[in-house]
N, C-alpha and C. Protein backbone atom coordinates (compact mmCIF):
# COMPACT_ATOMS: atom_id res chain seq x y z
N UNK A 1 -3.33 29.09 37.49
CA UNK A 1 -2.51 28.62 37.44
C UNK A 1 -1.90 28.48 35.96
N UNK A 2 -1.05 29.06 35.58
CA UNK A 2 -0.54 28.80 34.11
C UNK A 2 0.52 27.07 33.90
N UNK A 3 -0.32 26.62 32.64
CA UNK A 3 0.42 25.19 32.25
C UNK A 3 1.16 25.53 31.59
N UNK A 4 2.50 24.84 31.76
CA UNK A 4 3.42 24.85 30.71
C UNK A 4 2.50 24.55 29.34
N UNK A 5 3.88 25.12 28.03
CA UNK A 5 3.10 24.85 27.24
C UNK A 5 4.13 23.31 26.60
N UNK A 6 3.07 22.73 25.90
CA UNK A 6 3.75 21.18 25.78
C UNK A 6 3.29 21.24 24.16
N UNK A 7 4.68 20.65 23.22
CA UNK A 7 4.02 20.09 22.31
C UNK A 7 2.72 19.38 21.34
N UNK A 8 2.18 19.11 22.78
CA UNK A 8 0.37 18.58 22.34
C UNK A 8 -0.40 19.85 22.74
N UNK A 9 -0.19 20.71 23.62
CA UNK A 9 -0.77 21.58 23.45
C UNK A 9 -0.93 22.93 22.71
N UNK A 10 0.14 22.54 21.84
CA UNK A 10 0.51 23.62 20.39
C UNK A 10 -0.42 23.15 19.85
N UNK A 11 -0.47 21.48 19.39
CA UNK A 11 -0.89 21.20 18.71
C UNK A 11 -2.74 21.12 18.73
N UNK A 12 -3.16 21.22 19.71
CA UNK A 12 -4.47 21.21 19.98
C UNK A 12 -4.91 22.65 20.02
N UNK A 13 -4.29 23.52 20.32
CA UNK A 13 -4.54 25.29 20.46
C UNK A 13 -4.67 25.64 18.94
N UNK A 14 -3.42 25.14 17.91
CA UNK A 14 -3.73 24.95 16.53
C UNK A 14 -5.17 24.18 15.73
N UNK A 15 -5.27 23.12 16.23
CA UNK A 15 -6.31 22.48 16.08
C UNK A 15 -7.73 23.25 16.12
N UNK A 16 -7.96 23.29 17.28
CA UNK A 16 -8.67 24.94 17.14
C UNK A 16 -8.96 26.28 16.75
N UNK A 17 -7.77 26.42 16.53
CA UNK A 17 -7.58 27.94 15.29
C UNK A 17 -7.96 27.25 13.68
N UNK A 18 -7.91 26.40 13.65
CA UNK A 18 -7.81 25.36 12.16
C UNK A 18 -9.11 24.91 12.02
N UNK A 19 -10.03 24.95 13.12
CA UNK A 19 -11.57 24.36 13.53
C UNK A 19 -12.17 25.90 12.87
N UNK A 20 -12.05 27.18 13.46
CA UNK A 20 -12.36 28.32 13.02
C UNK A 20 -12.20 28.73 12.05
N UNK A 21 -11.47 28.48 11.28
CA UNK A 21 -10.81 29.43 9.99
C UNK A 21 -11.89 28.36 8.91
N UNK A 22 -11.93 26.83 9.20
CA UNK A 22 -13.18 26.36 8.33
C UNK A 22 -14.48 26.68 8.62
N UNK A 23 -14.58 26.86 9.68
CA UNK A 23 -16.19 27.30 10.03
C UNK A 23 -16.23 28.75 9.53
N UNK A 24 -15.45 29.93 9.75
CA UNK A 24 -15.60 31.22 9.26
C UNK A 24 -15.54 31.33 7.28
N UNK A 25 -14.69 30.51 6.55
CA UNK A 25 -15.19 29.93 5.22
C UNK A 25 -16.20 29.48 5.08
N UNK A 26 -17.14 28.34 6.08
CA UNK A 26 -18.54 28.09 5.69
C UNK A 26 -19.15 29.11 5.91
N UNK A 27 -19.18 30.01 6.77
CA UNK A 27 -19.99 30.79 7.27
C UNK A 27 -20.08 32.15 5.65
N UNK A 28 -19.25 32.53 5.07
CA UNK A 28 -19.20 32.97 3.79
C UNK A 28 -19.74 32.67 2.58
N UNK A 29 -20.60 31.43 2.72
CA UNK A 29 -21.21 30.31 1.51
C UNK A 29 -22.53 30.79 1.62
N UNK A 30 -23.02 31.25 0.72
CA UNK A 30 -24.67 32.18 0.78
C UNK A 30 -24.67 31.26 -0.84
N UNK A 31 -26.02 30.61 -0.70
CA UNK A 31 -27.08 30.50 -1.98
C UNK A 31 -27.23 30.80 -3.01
N UNK A 32 -27.41 30.71 -3.96
CA UNK A 32 -27.46 31.95 -5.07
C UNK A 32 -29.50 32.56 -4.60
N UNK A 33 -29.86 33.58 -4.88
CA UNK A 33 -31.04 34.45 -4.93
C UNK A 33 -32.19 33.67 -5.23
N UNK A 34 -31.53 32.97 -6.55
CA UNK A 34 -32.84 32.36 -7.72
C UNK A 34 -32.60 31.03 -7.75
N UNK A 35 -33.56 30.18 -6.98
CA UNK A 35 -33.17 28.97 -6.86
C UNK A 35 -33.44 28.01 -7.80
N UNK A 36 -32.01 28.24 -8.97
CA UNK A 36 -32.02 27.22 -10.03
C UNK A 36 -30.38 26.90 -9.71
N UNK A 37 -30.31 25.96 -10.80
CA UNK A 37 -28.96 25.83 -11.09
C UNK A 37 -28.32 26.91 -11.86
N UNK A 38 -28.62 27.05 -12.37
CA UNK A 38 -28.50 27.94 -13.62
C UNK A 38 -27.37 29.42 -12.36
N UNK A 39 -28.30 29.73 -11.97
CA UNK A 39 -27.90 30.80 -10.82
C UNK A 39 -26.84 30.05 -9.70
N UNK A 40 -27.06 28.73 -9.32
CA UNK A 40 -25.54 28.10 -8.88
C UNK A 40 -24.37 27.82 -9.73
N UNK A 41 -24.49 27.62 -10.86
CA UNK A 41 -23.41 27.61 -12.07
C UNK A 41 -22.89 28.70 -11.67
N UNK A 42 -23.79 29.58 -11.86
CA UNK A 42 -23.03 31.76 -12.33
C UNK A 42 -22.14 31.61 -11.02
N UNK A 43 -22.78 31.34 -9.67
CA UNK A 43 -21.83 31.53 -8.46
C UNK A 43 -20.92 31.11 -8.51
N UNK A 44 -20.09 29.88 -9.35
CA UNK A 44 -18.60 29.00 -9.34
C UNK A 44 -17.75 29.56 -9.07
N UNK A 45 -17.26 31.31 -9.29
CA UNK A 45 -15.57 31.20 -8.72
C UNK A 45 -16.29 31.30 -6.42
N UNK A 46 -17.29 31.64 -5.94
CA UNK A 46 -17.41 31.13 -4.81
C UNK A 46 -17.62 29.77 -4.27
N UNK A 47 -17.83 28.86 -5.43
CA UNK A 47 -17.35 27.62 -4.83
C UNK A 47 -15.99 26.95 -5.22
N UNK A 48 -15.45 27.52 -6.38
CA UNK A 48 -14.51 27.07 -6.34
C UNK A 48 -13.24 27.40 -5.61
N UNK A 49 -13.58 28.82 -5.45
CA UNK A 49 -12.48 29.53 -3.71
C UNK A 49 -12.39 28.77 -2.77
N UNK A 50 -13.92 28.42 -2.45
CA UNK A 50 -14.07 27.89 -1.29
C UNK A 50 -13.57 26.71 -1.29
N UNK A 51 -13.49 25.37 -2.42
CA UNK A 51 -13.04 24.67 -2.41
C UNK A 51 -11.65 24.60 -2.40
N UNK A 52 -11.12 25.69 -3.07
CA UNK A 52 -9.36 25.37 -2.80
C UNK A 52 -9.02 25.64 -1.74
N UNK A 53 -10.05 26.65 -0.77
CA UNK A 53 -9.36 27.29 0.41
C UNK A 53 -9.79 26.47 1.21
N UNK A 54 -10.44 25.26 1.33
CA UNK A 54 -11.28 23.95 1.89
C UNK A 54 -9.67 23.40 2.13
N UNK A 55 -9.63 22.83 1.12
CA UNK A 55 -8.15 22.23 0.86
C UNK A 55 -7.12 22.88 1.05
N UNK A 56 -6.99 23.45 0.89
CA UNK A 56 -5.83 24.29 1.71
C UNK A 56 -5.56 23.86 2.89
N UNK A 57 -7.19 24.32 3.75
CA UNK A 57 -6.83 24.60 5.07
C UNK A 57 -6.37 23.11 5.36
N UNK A 58 -6.66 22.16 5.16
CA UNK A 58 -7.21 20.59 5.03
C UNK A 58 -5.30 20.34 5.01
N UNK A 59 -4.62 20.63 4.04
CA UNK A 59 -3.15 20.05 3.92
C UNK A 59 -2.61 21.08 4.80
N UNK A 60 -2.83 22.08 4.99
CA UNK A 60 -1.64 23.08 5.64
C UNK A 60 -2.21 22.30 7.27
N UNK A 61 -2.94 21.58 7.70
CA UNK A 61 -3.39 20.98 9.31
C UNK A 61 -2.55 19.71 9.27
N UNK A 62 -2.92 18.71 7.73
CA UNK A 62 -2.42 17.50 8.29
C UNK A 62 -0.95 17.80 8.09
N UNK A 63 -0.08 19.24 7.29
CA UNK A 63 1.37 18.86 7.25
C UNK A 63 1.92 19.49 8.72
N UNK A 64 1.07 20.36 8.78
CA UNK A 64 1.21 21.21 10.72
C UNK A 64 1.30 20.06 11.70
N UNK A 65 -0.05 18.95 11.85
CA UNK A 65 0.95 17.91 12.40
C UNK A 65 1.85 17.20 12.18
N UNK A 66 1.90 16.90 10.89
CA UNK A 66 3.64 16.03 11.08
C UNK A 66 4.41 16.74 11.28
N UNK A 67 4.44 18.01 10.70
CA UNK A 67 5.77 18.37 11.57
C UNK A 67 5.84 18.25 13.09
N UNK A 68 4.69 19.13 13.66
CA UNK A 68 4.55 18.70 15.23
C UNK A 68 5.18 17.72 16.08
N UNK A 69 5.37 16.35 15.04
CA UNK A 69 5.36 15.68 15.76
C UNK A 69 6.53 15.09 16.21
N UNK A 70 8.05 16.00 15.46
CA UNK A 70 9.33 16.59 15.83
C UNK A 70 9.91 17.26 17.18
N UNK A 71 8.45 17.82 17.77
CA UNK A 71 8.54 18.69 18.62
C UNK A 71 8.80 18.07 19.78
N UNK A 72 10.33 17.96 20.78
CA UNK A 72 9.83 17.59 21.88
C UNK A 72 10.02 18.80 22.96
N UNK A 73 9.60 19.55 22.98
CA UNK A 73 9.06 20.87 23.41
C UNK A 73 8.92 22.29 23.22
N UNK A 74 8.23 22.62 23.82
CA UNK A 74 6.80 23.95 23.40
C UNK A 74 8.10 25.05 23.54
N UNK A 75 9.19 25.34 23.26
CA UNK A 75 10.23 26.63 22.89
C UNK A 75 8.99 28.17 22.66
N UNK A 76 9.51 28.94 22.98
CA UNK A 76 8.72 30.47 22.97
C UNK A 76 9.52 30.61 21.12
N UNK A 77 10.80 29.89 21.03
CA UNK A 77 10.63 30.38 19.48
C UNK A 77 9.57 29.22 18.79
N UNK A 78 9.24 28.38 19.39
CA UNK A 78 8.40 27.40 18.18
C UNK A 78 6.80 27.52 18.42
N UNK A 79 6.78 28.52 20.02
CA UNK A 79 4.96 29.18 19.88
C UNK A 79 5.14 30.18 18.77
N UNK A 80 6.00 31.77 18.67
CA UNK A 80 6.07 32.73 18.44
C UNK A 80 5.94 32.08 16.39
N UNK A 81 7.14 31.01 16.26
CA UNK A 81 6.74 30.97 14.82
C UNK A 81 5.13 30.30 14.33
N UNK A 82 4.57 29.16 15.23
CA UNK A 82 3.64 28.98 14.92
C UNK A 82 2.46 29.81 14.99
N UNK A 83 2.46 31.21 15.85
CA UNK A 83 1.77 31.94 15.64
C UNK A 83 1.53 32.93 14.85
N UNK A 84 2.57 32.76 14.01
CA UNK A 84 3.04 33.47 12.88
C UNK A 84 2.03 32.72 11.75
N UNK A 85 2.45 31.39 11.96
CA UNK A 85 1.71 30.04 11.07
C UNK A 85 0.54 30.76 10.95
N UNK A 86 -0.31 30.77 12.08
CA UNK A 86 -1.85 30.17 12.61
C UNK A 86 -2.20 32.17 11.66
N UNK A 87 -1.09 32.76 12.49
CA UNK A 87 -1.90 34.33 11.48
C UNK A 87 -1.84 34.28 10.16
N UNK A 88 -1.17 33.88 10.00
CA UNK A 88 -0.69 33.54 7.95
C UNK A 88 -2.41 33.10 7.58
N UNK A 89 -2.67 32.47 8.29
CA UNK A 89 -3.97 31.18 8.03
C UNK A 89 -4.91 32.48 8.24
N UNK A 90 -4.91 32.84 9.42
CA UNK A 90 -6.68 33.84 9.40
C UNK A 90 -6.11 34.40 8.42
N UNK A 91 -5.41 35.02 7.33
CA UNK A 91 -5.99 35.97 6.09
C UNK A 91 -6.43 34.85 4.87
N UNK A 92 -6.76 33.95 5.72
CA UNK A 92 -7.30 32.80 4.63
C UNK A 92 -8.94 33.42 3.68
N UNK A 93 -9.93 32.76 4.86
CA UNK A 93 -11.14 33.41 5.22
C UNK A 93 -11.54 34.94 3.91
N UNK A 94 -10.37 35.69 4.16
CA UNK A 94 -10.87 37.28 3.92
C UNK A 94 -10.21 37.22 2.42
N UNK A 95 -8.95 36.87 2.03
CA UNK A 95 -8.54 36.79 0.48
C UNK A 95 -9.73 36.24 0.08
N UNK A 96 -9.62 35.02 0.51
CA UNK A 96 -10.83 33.80 -0.71
C UNK A 96 -12.46 34.88 -0.79
N UNK A 97 -12.76 35.42 0.23
CA UNK A 97 -13.97 36.09 0.20
C UNK A 97 -13.70 36.88 -1.09
N UNK A 98 -12.64 37.80 -0.98
CA UNK A 98 -12.59 38.99 -1.79
C UNK A 98 -12.40 38.35 -3.17
N UNK A 99 -11.20 36.69 -2.92
CA UNK A 99 -11.48 36.61 -4.61
C UNK A 99 -12.89 36.19 -5.07
N UNK A 100 -13.72 35.24 -4.47
CA UNK A 100 -14.90 35.12 -5.15
C UNK A 100 -15.75 36.14 -5.25
N UNK A 101 -16.19 37.43 -4.49
CA UNK A 101 -16.97 38.43 -4.57
C UNK A 101 -16.51 39.11 -5.84
N UNK A 102 -15.25 39.08 -6.26
CA UNK A 102 -14.89 39.58 -7.59
C UNK A 102 -14.62 38.77 -8.28
N UNK A 103 -14.79 37.98 -8.52
CA UNK A 103 -15.21 36.52 -9.70
C UNK A 103 -13.60 36.30 -10.15
N UNK A 104 -12.67 36.52 -8.93
CA UNK A 104 -11.91 36.02 -10.06
C UNK A 104 -10.65 37.53 -10.44
N UNK A 105 -10.98 38.19 -10.05
CA UNK A 105 -10.54 39.04 -10.80
C UNK A 105 -9.18 39.32 -10.24
N UNK A 106 -7.85 40.35 -11.65
CA UNK A 106 -6.29 40.54 -10.98
C UNK A 106 -6.09 40.71 -9.31
N UNK A 107 -6.50 41.64 -9.21
CA UNK A 107 -5.66 41.68 -7.50
C UNK A 107 -6.29 40.87 -6.75
N UNK A 108 -7.18 41.03 -6.46
CA UNK A 108 -7.83 39.63 -5.33
C UNK A 108 -7.22 38.51 -5.42
N UNK A 109 -7.40 37.81 -6.77
CA UNK A 109 -6.25 36.48 -6.84
C UNK A 109 -4.82 36.64 -6.91
N UNK A 110 -4.27 38.06 -6.76
CA UNK A 110 -3.07 38.19 -6.72
C UNK A 110 -2.95 38.09 -5.18
N UNK A 111 -3.42 38.74 -4.48
CA UNK A 111 -3.88 38.82 -2.85
C UNK A 111 -3.67 37.38 -2.46
N UNK A 112 -4.33 36.45 -2.75
CA UNK A 112 -4.68 35.20 -2.51
C UNK A 112 -3.51 34.45 -2.72
N UNK A 113 -2.84 34.75 -3.22
CA UNK A 113 -2.00 33.83 -3.96
C UNK A 113 -0.90 34.26 -2.61
N UNK A 114 -0.53 35.32 -2.50
CA UNK A 114 0.33 36.16 -1.36
C UNK A 114 0.07 35.96 0.08
N UNK A 115 -1.25 35.73 0.11
CA UNK A 115 -1.74 34.57 1.61
C UNK A 115 -0.66 33.19 1.39
N UNK A 116 -1.21 32.61 0.43
CA UNK A 116 -0.10 31.47 0.10
C UNK A 116 0.99 31.30 0.18
N UNK A 117 1.41 32.54 -0.67
CA UNK A 117 2.73 32.75 0.46
C UNK A 117 3.26 32.72 1.58
N UNK A 118 2.75 33.77 2.24
CA UNK A 118 2.96 33.75 3.40
C UNK A 118 2.66 32.74 4.24
N UNK A 119 1.73 32.31 4.01
CA UNK A 119 1.50 30.69 5.04
C UNK A 119 2.51 29.89 4.52
N UNK A 120 3.17 29.65 3.43
CA UNK A 120 4.31 28.93 3.09
C UNK A 120 5.83 29.44 3.63
N UNK A 121 5.95 30.66 4.14
CA UNK A 121 6.93 31.46 4.73
C UNK A 121 7.18 30.95 5.81
N UNK A 122 5.75 30.92 6.35
CA UNK A 122 5.70 30.80 8.12
C UNK A 122 6.00 29.12 8.31
N UNK A 123 5.67 28.22 6.98
CA UNK A 123 5.67 26.97 7.11
C UNK A 123 7.47 26.55 7.21
N UNK A 124 7.77 27.31 6.31
CA UNK A 124 9.63 27.43 5.77
C UNK A 124 10.26 27.64 7.74
N UNK A 125 9.63 28.73 7.94
CA UNK A 125 10.33 29.16 9.17
C UNK A 125 9.87 27.56 10.42
N UNK A 126 8.14 27.18 10.68
CA UNK A 126 8.14 26.09 11.32
C UNK A 126 9.17 25.00 11.03
N UNK A 127 9.59 24.67 9.40
CA UNK A 127 10.48 23.38 9.34
C UNK A 127 12.08 23.29 9.80
N UNK A 128 12.37 24.65 9.38
CA UNK A 128 13.57 25.10 10.17
C UNK A 128 13.70 24.84 11.41
N UNK A 129 12.47 25.34 12.34
CA UNK A 129 12.53 25.03 14.11
C UNK A 129 12.87 23.79 14.27
N UNK A 130 11.50 22.75 13.46
CA UNK A 130 11.25 21.62 14.15
C UNK A 130 11.87 20.93 13.29
N UNK A 131 12.50 20.66 12.12
CA UNK A 131 13.35 19.65 11.41
C UNK A 131 14.78 19.82 11.19
N UNK A 132 15.34 20.79 11.01
CA UNK A 132 16.82 21.76 10.76
C UNK A 132 16.86 21.43 11.92
N UNK A 133 16.44 21.96 12.94
CA UNK A 133 16.79 21.91 14.60
C UNK A 133 17.52 20.53 15.37
N UNK A 134 16.33 19.42 14.49
CA UNK A 134 16.03 17.59 15.04
C UNK A 134 16.82 17.04 14.55
N UNK A 135 18.07 16.80 15.40
CA UNK A 135 19.03 16.28 15.08
C UNK A 135 18.84 14.67 14.60
N UNK A 136 17.52 14.00 15.42
CA UNK A 136 17.09 12.62 14.83
C UNK A 136 16.26 12.73 13.33
N UNK A 137 15.88 13.85 12.63
CA UNK A 137 15.92 14.18 11.85
C UNK A 137 16.81 13.25 10.48
N UNK A 138 16.33 12.40 9.87
CA UNK A 138 17.12 11.97 9.05
C UNK A 138 17.63 12.73 7.85
N UNK A 139 18.56 12.74 7.37
CA UNK A 139 19.41 13.63 6.55
C UNK A 139 18.07 14.24 4.73
N UNK A 140 18.02 13.06 4.50
CA UNK A 140 17.08 12.99 3.24
C UNK A 140 15.98 13.52 3.43
N UNK A 141 14.99 13.49 4.73
CA UNK A 141 14.13 13.81 4.90
C UNK A 141 14.10 15.53 5.18
N UNK A 142 15.27 15.66 5.55
CA UNK A 142 14.87 17.27 5.59
C UNK A 142 15.76 18.00 4.64
N UNK A 143 16.57 17.27 3.70
CA UNK A 143 16.37 18.12 2.92
C UNK A 143 15.70 18.22 1.71
N UNK A 144 14.77 17.03 2.01
CA UNK A 144 13.58 16.88 0.89
C UNK A 144 12.25 18.13 1.34
N UNK A 145 12.49 18.09 2.88
CA UNK A 145 11.26 18.89 3.09
C UNK A 145 12.00 20.28 2.94
N UNK A 146 12.74 20.56 2.76
CA UNK A 146 14.27 22.02 2.46
C UNK A 146 13.55 22.63 1.15
N UNK A 147 14.02 21.61 0.04
CA UNK A 147 13.67 21.44 -0.87
C UNK A 147 12.31 21.97 -1.38
N UNK A 148 11.51 21.28 -1.22
CA UNK A 148 10.26 21.42 -1.11
C UNK A 148 9.41 22.54 -0.62
N UNK A 149 9.87 22.52 0.40
CA UNK A 149 9.12 24.33 0.52
C UNK A 149 9.86 25.71 -0.05
N UNK A 150 11.04 25.75 -0.47
CA UNK A 150 11.50 26.28 -0.96
C UNK A 150 10.96 26.60 -2.26
N UNK A 151 10.60 26.03 -3.18
CA UNK A 151 10.38 25.68 -4.04
C UNK A 151 9.13 25.88 -4.27
N UNK A 152 8.10 26.08 -3.24
CA UNK A 152 6.86 26.02 -3.22
C UNK A 152 6.85 27.44 -2.86
N UNK A 153 7.35 27.87 -2.10
CA UNK A 153 7.75 29.42 -1.83
C UNK A 153 7.68 30.17 -2.76
N UNK A 154 8.31 29.80 -3.69
CA UNK A 154 8.63 30.50 -5.17
C UNK A 154 7.79 30.72 -6.09
N UNK A 155 7.10 29.58 -5.86
CA UNK A 155 5.78 29.54 -6.98
C UNK A 155 5.10 30.43 -6.44
N UNK A 156 4.51 30.28 -5.62
CA UNK A 156 3.76 31.02 -4.37
C UNK A 156 3.89 32.05 -5.00
N UNK A 157 5.13 33.26 -4.73
CA UNK A 157 5.51 34.11 -5.20
C UNK A 157 5.71 34.94 -6.48
N UNK A 158 5.69 33.22 -7.46
CA UNK A 158 5.43 33.83 -8.48
C UNK A 158 3.42 34.15 -9.28
N UNK A 159 2.75 33.02 -8.34
CA UNK A 159 1.36 32.81 -8.87
C UNK A 159 1.19 34.45 -7.95
N UNK A 160 1.78 35.15 -6.97
CA UNK A 160 1.01 36.15 -7.14
C UNK A 160 1.41 37.59 -7.85
N UNK A 161 2.62 37.47 -8.61
CA UNK A 161 2.82 38.62 -9.71
C UNK A 161 2.04 37.69 -10.87
N UNK A 162 1.86 37.08 -11.74
CA UNK A 162 1.35 36.11 -12.85
C UNK A 162 -0.09 36.82 -12.25
N UNK A 163 -0.95 36.57 -11.22
CA UNK A 163 -1.87 36.54 -11.11
C UNK A 163 -2.44 38.32 -11.68
N UNK A 164 -1.51 39.28 -11.33
CA UNK A 164 -2.42 40.23 -12.04
C UNK A 164 -2.66 40.63 -13.52
N UNK A 165 -1.92 39.80 -14.36
CA UNK A 165 -2.09 39.36 -15.36
C UNK A 165 -2.99 38.28 -15.93
N UNK A 166 -2.78 37.53 -15.16
CA UNK A 166 -3.70 36.12 -15.58
C UNK A 166 -3.75 35.06 -14.33
N UNK A 167 -5.19 36.04 -13.72
CA UNK A 167 -5.62 35.29 -12.54
C UNK A 167 -5.92 34.03 -12.54
N UNK A 168 -6.32 33.38 -13.45
CA UNK A 168 -6.72 31.88 -13.91
C UNK A 168 -5.32 31.31 -13.54
N UNK A 169 -3.97 31.70 -14.26
CA UNK A 169 -2.70 31.03 -14.05
C UNK A 169 -2.57 31.62 -13.16
N UNK A 170 -2.32 32.17 -11.96
CA UNK A 170 -1.82 32.13 -10.60
C UNK A 170 -2.28 31.37 -10.29
N UNK A 171 -3.97 31.32 -10.12
CA UNK A 171 -4.45 30.44 -9.20
C UNK A 171 -4.34 29.00 -9.61
N UNK A 172 -3.74 28.25 -10.79
CA UNK A 172 -3.60 27.64 -11.00
C UNK A 172 -2.22 26.82 -10.74
N UNK A 173 -1.24 28.11 -10.63
CA UNK A 173 0.10 27.60 -9.58
C UNK A 173 -0.22 27.20 -8.26
N UNK A 174 -0.82 28.22 -7.73
CA UNK A 174 -1.11 27.72 -6.48
C UNK A 174 -2.11 26.55 -6.28
N UNK A 175 -2.79 25.85 -6.72
CA UNK A 175 -3.50 24.38 -6.92
C UNK A 175 -2.63 23.59 -7.11
N UNK A 176 -1.98 24.02 -8.44
CA UNK A 176 -0.21 22.62 -8.17
C UNK A 176 0.16 22.28 -7.23
N UNK A 177 0.74 23.59 -6.39
CA UNK A 177 1.41 23.57 -5.06
C UNK A 177 1.00 22.84 -4.42
N UNK A 178 -0.69 22.67 -4.05
CA UNK A 178 -0.96 22.00 -3.19
C UNK A 178 -1.06 20.44 -3.10
N UNK A 179 -0.84 20.46 -4.54
CA UNK A 179 -0.44 18.94 -4.77
C UNK A 179 1.02 18.39 -4.48
N UNK A 180 1.67 18.91 -4.22
CA UNK A 180 3.04 18.32 -3.64
C UNK A 180 2.91 17.75 -2.56
N UNK A 181 1.91 18.97 -1.66
CA UNK A 181 1.85 18.89 -0.14
C UNK A 181 0.95 17.50 0.16
N UNK A 182 0.03 16.96 -0.45
CA UNK A 182 -0.74 16.31 -0.46
C UNK A 182 -0.07 15.14 0.61
N UNK A 183 0.57 14.42 0.76
CA UNK A 183 1.84 13.63 1.59
C UNK A 183 2.55 14.03 2.23
N UNK A 184 2.44 14.50 3.28
CA UNK A 184 3.18 15.68 4.12
C UNK A 184 4.67 15.02 4.38
N UNK A 185 4.77 14.13 4.61
CA UNK A 185 6.34 12.81 4.17
C UNK A 185 6.55 14.09 3.04
N UNK A 186 7.95 13.88 2.64
CA UNK A 186 8.34 14.45 1.65
C UNK A 186 8.80 13.17 0.59
N UNK A 187 9.18 12.31 1.18
CA UNK A 187 9.94 10.99 0.46
C UNK A 187 8.66 10.07 -0.08
N UNK A 188 8.60 9.54 -0.89
CA UNK A 188 7.64 8.44 -1.65
C UNK A 188 7.83 6.98 -0.12
N UNK A 189 8.73 6.49 -0.37
CA UNK A 189 8.13 5.22 0.36
C UNK A 189 8.44 5.37 1.92
N UNK A 190 8.28 6.18 2.40
CA UNK A 190 8.78 6.75 4.25
C UNK A 190 6.96 6.55 4.72
N UNK A 191 6.86 6.56 5.91
CA UNK A 191 5.88 6.80 6.75
C UNK A 191 4.83 8.19 6.10
């Protein structure tokens, strides 16, 4: 018997996907062949890539939970938008590994930023579905979430282009954008 999708089931399913993504990310970590700190330090692109991706997954998960609290029902549109968001997230381990093994070369970092762009684009769709469509959302929250989403979407796109010439600058833009989402509620004095 097929059970009806509810916002809580959407959240639980999504939690499972996020857990798998973190597991896949962790499985890609390898210790250096030589048991020295020098060898460990030489693999800094792997550790940096892992740390940024782990933080990204954590931030997306927290913001995802925040958004889903606005869901009153699991509509087909919400389900498909959520699946698109999870699909975009599923590209993160591949782009992380490519960026790490390339030692932060331009094209892998550009792809990494493009994945951030895609994840944020699907987040914009979730905001539209859950925040814009909810009459109980205070207008200032709706406006702040829209503004934050669109500005960071543009910055992730810029990062993907800049990374082709300056990979560290592109990665730096991505990291800076993550700071904007550390608190899921876009207003300072709110919950």
